[in-house]
C-alpha atoms as a PDB file:
ATOM      1  CA  MET A   1      14.291  -9.618  -0.563  1.00  0.00           C
ATOM      2  CA  SER A   2      12.289  -9.412   2.620  1.00  0.00           C
ATOM      3  CA  VAL A   3      11.024  -6.134   4.049  1.00  0.00           C
ATOM      4  CA  GLU A   4       9.752  -6.126   7.583  1.00  0.00           C
ATOM      5  CA  LEU A   5       6.583  -4.216   8.332  1.00  0.00           C
ATOM      6  CA  GLU A   6       5.694  -2.930  11.747  1.00  0.00           C
ATOM      7  CA  VAL A   7       2.102  -1.868  12.485  1.00  0.00           C
ATOM      8  CA  PHE A   8       1.371   0.108  15.642  1.00  0.00           C
ATOM      9  CA  SER A   9      -1.808   0.436  17.730  1.00  0.00           C
ATOM     10  CA  ASP A  10      -2.718   3.709  15.945  1.00  0.00           C
ATOM     11  CA  LEU A  11      -2.732   1.732  12.651  1.00  0.00           C
ATOM     12  CA  SER A  12       0.440   3.413  11.457  1.00  0.00           C
ATOM     13  CA  GLU A  13       2.821   1.223   9.512  1.00  0.00           C
ATOM     14  CA  GLU A  14       6.577   1.537   9.297  1.00  0.00           C
ATOM     15  CA  LEU A  15       8.768   0.026   6.610  1.00  0.00           C
ATOM     16  CA  ASN A  16      12.344  -0.921   7.338  1.00  0.00           C
ATOM     17  CA  TYR A  17      14.055  -0.091   4.060  1.00  0.00           C
ATOM     18  CA  ASN A  18      16.997  -2.150   2.854  1.00  0.00           C
ATOM     19  CA  LEU A  19      18.693   1.024   1.501  1.00  0.00           C
ATOM     20  CA  PRO A  20      18.503   3.517   4.385  1.00  0.00           C
ATOM     21  CA  ASP A  21      20.045   6.383   2.378  1.00  0.00           C
ATOM     22  CA  PHE A  22      17.464   5.935  -0.418  1.00  0.00           C
ATOM     23  CA  PRO A  23      14.045   5.138   1.087  1.00  0.00           C
ATOM     24  CA  LEU A  24      12.360   3.357  -1.806  1.00  0.00           C
ATOM     25  CA  TYR A  25      10.523   0.055  -1.650  1.00  0.00           C
ATOM     26  CA  VAL A  26       9.146  -1.573  -4.792  1.00  0.00           C
ATOM     27  CA  ARG A  27       7.174  -4.788  -4.786  1.00  0.00           C
ATOM     28  CA  LYS A  28       5.084  -6.699  -7.279  1.00  0.00           C
ATOM     29  CA  GLY A  29       2.393  -8.673  -5.527  1.00  0.00           C
ATOM     30  CA  SER A  30      -1.075 -10.080  -5.746  1.00  0.00           C
ATOM     31  CA  LEU A  31      -4.167  -9.494  -3.642  1.00  0.00           C
ATOM     32  CA  ASN A  32      -4.768 -13.238  -3.404  1.00  0.00           C
ATOM     33  CA  HIS A  33      -2.110 -13.295  -0.668  1.00  0.00           C
ATOM     34  CA  PHE A  34      -4.483 -11.332   1.602  1.00  0.00           C
ATOM     35  CA  ASP A  35      -7.515 -12.607   3.499  1.00  0.00           C
ATOM     36  CA  LYS A  36     -10.612 -11.708   1.438  1.00  0.00           C
ATOM     37  CA  TYR A  37      -8.253 -10.100  -1.103  1.00  0.00           C
ATOM     38  CA  ALA A  38      -7.882  -7.032   1.120  1.00  0.00           C
ATOM     39  CA  ALA A  39      -5.038  -5.596   3.172  1.00  0.00           C
ATOM     40  CA  ALA A  40      -5.768  -4.114   6.600  1.00  0.00           C
ATOM     41  CA  CYS A  41      -6.290  -0.351   6.675  1.00  0.00           C
ATOM     42  CA  HIS A  42      -3.210   1.546   7.753  1.00  0.00           C
ATOM     43  CA  TRP A  43      -1.310   4.779   7.215  1.00  0.00           C
ATOM     44  CA  HIS A  44       2.338   5.758   7.156  1.00  0.00           C
ATOM     45  CA  GLN A  45       4.725   8.661   6.743  1.00  0.00           C
ATOM     46  CA  ASP A  46       5.697   7.406   3.280  1.00  0.00           C
ATOM     47  CA  LEU A  47       4.124   8.164  -0.079  1.00  0.00           C
ATOM     48  CA  GLU A  48       2.598   5.180  -1.865  1.00  0.00           C
ATOM     49  CA  PHE A  49       1.805   4.423  -5.486  1.00  0.00           C
ATOM     50  CA  ILE A  50      -0.330   1.441  -6.518  1.00  0.00           C
ATOM     51  CA  LEU A  51      -0.499   0.312 -10.149  1.00  0.00           C
ATOM     52  CA  VAL A  52      -3.001  -2.338 -11.233  1.00  0.00           C
ATOM     53  CA  LEU A  53      -1.297  -4.709 -13.672  1.00  0.00           C
ATOM     54  CA  ASP A  54      -4.234  -7.078 -14.240  1.00  0.00           C
ATOM     55  CA  GLY A  55      -7.953  -6.919 -13.513  1.00  0.00           C
ATOM     56  CA  GLN A  56      -9.245  -4.170 -11.271  1.00  0.00           C
ATOM     57  CA  MET A  57      -9.366  -3.319  -7.602  1.00  0.00           C
ATOM     58  CA  GLU A  58     -11.368  -1.191  -5.222  1.00  0.00           C
ATOM     59  CA  TYR A  59      -8.992   0.944  -3.180  1.00  0.00           C
ATOM     60  CA  PHE A  60     -10.069   2.562   0.088  1.00  0.00           C
ATOM     61  CA  VAL A  61      -8.438   5.899   0.876  1.00  0.00           C
ATOM     62  CA  ASN A  62      -9.636   8.590   3.318  1.00  0.00           C
ATOM     63  CA  GLY A  63     -13.147   7.174   3.610  1.00  0.00           C
ATOM     64  CA  GLU A  64     -13.756   6.790  -0.116  1.00  0.00           C
ATOM     65  CA  ILE A  65     -13.542   3.753  -2.384  1.00  0.00           C
ATOM     66  CA  VAL A  66     -11.868   4.323  -5.736  1.00  0.00           C
ATOM     67  CA  LEU A  67     -12.110   1.798  -8.580  1.00  0.00           C
ATOM     68  CA  ILE A  68      -8.745   1.292 -10.278  1.00  0.00           C
ATOM     69  CA  GLU A  69      -8.697  -0.645 -13.528  1.00  0.00           C
ATOM     70  CA  ARG A  70      -5.840  -2.387 -15.317  1.00  0.00           C
ATOM     71  CA  GLY A  71      -3.127   0.008 -16.430  1.00  0.00           C
ATOM     72  CA  ASN A  72      -4.189   2.724 -13.987  1.00  0.00           C
ATOM     73  CA  GLY A  73      -2.868   3.607 -10.575  1.00  0.00           C
ATOM     74  CA  ILE A  74      -3.369   5.775  -7.536  1.00  0.00           C
ATOM     75  CA  PHE A  75      -0.944   7.943  -5.615  1.00  0.00           C
ATOM     76  CA  ILE A  76      -1.530   8.126  -1.849  1.00  0.00           C
ATOM     77  CA  ASN A  77      -0.060  11.004   0.087  1.00  0.00           C
ATOM     78  CA  SER A  78       1.638  10.484   3.438  1.00  0.00           C
ATOM     79  CA  LYS A  79      -0.458  10.154   6.602  1.00  0.00           C
ATOM     80  CA  ARG A  80      -3.607   9.084   4.702  1.00  0.00           C
ATOM     81  CA  MET A  81      -5.624   6.110   5.913  1.00  0.00           C
ATOM     82  CA  HIS A  82      -5.816   3.497   3.195  1.00  0.00           C
END
């Protein structure tokens, strides 16, 4: 399944959901697909939940860096830079 992402000049991101009447997007991925193991900062209207399945990650949200270890996650509210 492919989900298209659109990022605008204000760093907002928009997902094009494959189920328009149920806006949920779930993906299992790895940071090694990103340059320097980091995604570009962005924000969106959607809520986001990140769960670390292996290792740990530093997660930037609203100017702070939060360490998330294996088995833990973080919930990001809408319109928050992360």
